[in-house]
């Protein structure tokens, strides 16, 4: 995955990041909530947008790999229906191994996507907690 470009618009609070993966470009966008304009951060916005772009890129890769895995599974099932197919032969074991490797790769990417969703949610929660703590400290200090 290759980082291409990032942009932050202060007037709207919109961050946009573009990454390239497998020859395609994917854009991620993050927009600051209207109530949080005073706490807008170009760093945080671009970080969220980059995670979203990465998720889009990984979903694209998963789609391609899933199609390949499904084709392999269909081919294997077609071979199994043939009466002379021997499941214990070396060739059959190679076919089963390749199908299992493709399925495992699809599952790995799915896990990566889920981890990125969790990471994005945790980053947003941590940022919110820190902002609230700073606000609380400032109001307590002024009293």
Protein backbone atom coordinates (compact mmCIF):
# COMPACT_ATOMS: atom_id res chain seq x y z
CA UNK A 1 0.00 0.00 0.00
CA UNK A 2 1.39 3.36 -1.02
CA UNK A 3 0.44 6.77 0.36
CA UNK A 4 -0.36 9.20 -2.49
CA UNK A 5 -1.85 12.43 -1.14
CA UNK A 6 -3.61 14.08 1.78
CA UNK A 7 -5.66 17.25 2.04
CA UNK A 8 -7.26 19.08 4.94
CA UNK A 9 -9.76 21.92 4.42
CA UNK A 10 -9.93 24.17 7.49
CA UNK A 11 -13.16 25.87 6.48
CA UNK A 12 -15.17 22.64 6.32
CA UNK A 13 -13.04 20.45 8.59
CA UNK A 14 -12.84 17.81 5.87
CA UNK A 15 -9.79 15.56 5.53
CA UNK A 16 -9.12 13.46 2.44
CA UNK A 17 -6.36 10.89 1.99
CA UNK A 18 -5.56 8.88 -1.14
CA UNK A 19 -3.66 5.58 -1.11
CA UNK A 20 -2.71 3.29 -3.96
CA UNK A 21 -3.03 -0.47 -3.72
CA UNK A 22 -2.93 -3.11 -6.46
CA UNK A 23 -2.78 -0.41 -9.12
CA UNK A 24 -5.92 1.41 -7.99
CA UNK A 25 -6.38 4.55 -5.93
CA UNK A 26 -8.62 4.63 -2.88
CA UNK A 27 -9.77 7.76 -1.07
CA UNK A 28 -10.74 8.02 2.56
CA UNK A 29 -12.64 10.97 3.99
CA UNK A 30 -13.13 12.26 7.52
CA UNK A 31 -15.32 15.22 8.40
CA UNK A 32 -15.25 16.98 11.75
CA UNK A 33 -18.58 17.07 13.59
CA UNK A 34 -20.15 20.56 13.52
CA UNK A 35 -20.21 20.67 17.33
CA UNK A 36 -16.46 19.95 17.51
CA UNK A 37 -15.19 22.68 15.15
CA UNK A 38 -13.04 24.17 17.93
CA UNK A 39 -11.28 20.83 18.44
CA UNK A 40 -10.66 20.15 14.75
CA UNK A 41 -7.28 18.61 14.01
CA UNK A 42 -5.75 18.09 10.59
CA UNK A 43 -3.58 15.29 12.00
CA UNK A 44 -6.48 13.34 13.52
CA UNK A 45 -8.70 13.90 10.49
CA UNK A 46 -6.05 12.72 8.06
CA UNK A 47 -5.29 9.74 10.28
CA UNK A 48 -8.97 8.69 10.28
CA UNK A 49 -9.20 9.26 6.53
CA UNK A 50 -6.09 7.15 5.93
CA UNK A 51 -7.55 4.26 7.92
CA UNK A 52 -10.77 4.49 5.92
CA UNK A 53 -8.84 4.50 2.62
CA UNK A 54 -6.84 1.48 3.79
CA UNK A 55 -10.07 -0.34 4.64
CA UNK A 56 -11.42 0.35 1.14
CA UNK A 57 -8.19 -0.93 -0.41
CA UNK A 58 -8.22 -4.10 1.68
CA UNK A 59 -11.88 -4.73 0.82
CA UNK A 60 -10.97 -4.50 -2.86
CA UNK A 61 -8.11 -6.96 -2.37
CA UNK A 62 -10.38 -9.30 -0.39
CA UNK A 63 -12.95 -9.21 -3.21
CA UNK A 64 -10.33 -10.26 -5.76
CA UNK A 65 -8.93 -13.00 -3.55
CA UNK A 66 -12.41 -14.26 -2.69
CA UNK A 67 -13.23 -14.61 -6.39
CA UNK A 68 -10.04 -16.62 -6.90
CA UNK A 69 -10.77 -18.80 -3.88
CA UNK A 70 -14.33 -19.42 -5.05
CA UNK A 71 -13.05 -20.40 -8.50
CA UNK A 72 -10.58 -22.82 -6.90
CA UNK A 73 -13.31 -24.33 -4.74
CA UNK A 74 -15.59 -24.76 -7.76
CA UNK A 75 -12.78 -26.43 -9.70
CA UNK A 76 -12.01 -28.74 -6.79
CA UNK A 77 -15.67 -29.73 -6.46
CA UNK A 78 -15.83 -30.40 -10.20
CA UNK A 79 -12.77 -32.65 -9.92
CA UNK A 80 -14.25 -34.49 -6.93
CA UNK A 81 -17.33 -35.36 -8.96
CA UNK A 82 -15.18 -37.23 -11.48
CA UNK A 83 -15.29 -40.96 -10.80
CA UNK A 84 -11.52 -41.49 -11.18
CA UNK A 85 -10.63 -38.75 -8.68
CA UNK A 86 -8.56 -40.14 -5.81
CA UNK A 87 -8.70 -37.93 -2.71
CA UNK A 88 -5.52 -39.41 -1.23
CA UNK A 89 -3.30 -38.82 -4.26
CA UNK A 90 -0.48 -36.29 -4.19
CA UNK A 91 -2.20 -34.14 -6.79
CA UNK A 92 -5.41 -34.03 -4.79
CA UNK A 93 -3.53 -33.07 -1.64
CA UNK A 94 -1.85 -30.22 -3.52
CA UNK A 95 -5.24 -29.01 -4.72
CA UNK A 96 -6.73 -29.13 -1.22
CA UNK A 97 -3.73 -27.29 0.17
CA UNK A 98 -4.01 -24.52 -2.42
CA UNK A 99 -7.71 -24.07 -1.75
CA UNK A 100 -7.09 -23.93 2.00
CA UNK A 101 -4.29 -21.37 1.52
CA UNK A 102 -6.55 -19.14 -0.56
CA UNK A 103 -9.34 -19.37 2.00
CA UNK A 104 -6.87 -18.57 4.79
CA UNK A 105 -5.60 -15.50 2.92
CA UNK A 106 -9.18 -14.20 2.52
CA UNK A 107 -9.73 -14.74 6.25
CA UNK A 108 -6.48 -12.91 7.10
CA UNK A 109 -7.55 -9.86 5.13
CA UNK A 110 -10.99 -9.96 6.73
CA UNK A 111 -9.31 -9.97 10.14
CA UNK A 112 -7.13 -7.01 9.11
CA UNK A 113 -10.23 -5.07 8.03
CA UNK A 114 -12.00 -5.81 11.31
CA UNK A 115 -8.90 -4.77 13.26
CA UNK A 116 -8.78 -1.46 11.37
CA UNK A 117 -12.44 -0.80 12.18
CA UNK A 118 -11.72 -1.42 15.87
CA UNK A 119 -8.60 0.75 15.73
CA UNK A 120 -10.53 3.62 14.16
CA UNK A 121 -13.23 3.40 16.80
CA UNK A 122 -10.67 3.26 19.62
CA UNK A 123 -8.75 6.26 18.26
CA UNK A 124 -11.94 8.29 18.11
CA UNK A 125 -12.89 7.30 21.65
CA UNK A 126 -9.41 8.08 23.02
CA UNK A 127 -9.40 11.48 21.33
CA UNK A 128 -12.83 12.26 22.74
CA UNK A 129 -11.71 11.29 26.26
CA UNK A 130 -8.59 13.43 26.03
CA UNK A 131 -10.52 16.45 24.73
CA UNK A 132 -13.07 16.12 27.53
CA UNK A 133 -10.29 15.81 30.12
CA UNK A 134 -8.59 18.95 28.82
CA UNK A 135 -11.89 20.85 28.87
CA UNK A 136 -12.55 19.68 32.42
CA UNK A 137 -9.03 20.70 33.50
CA UNK A 138 -9.38 24.16 31.94
CA UNK A 139 -12.76 24.83 33.60
CA UNK A 140 -11.45 23.54 36.94
CA UNK A 141 -8.32 25.68 36.67
CA UNK A 142 -10.31 28.86 35.90
CA UNK A 143 -12.44 28.52 39.05
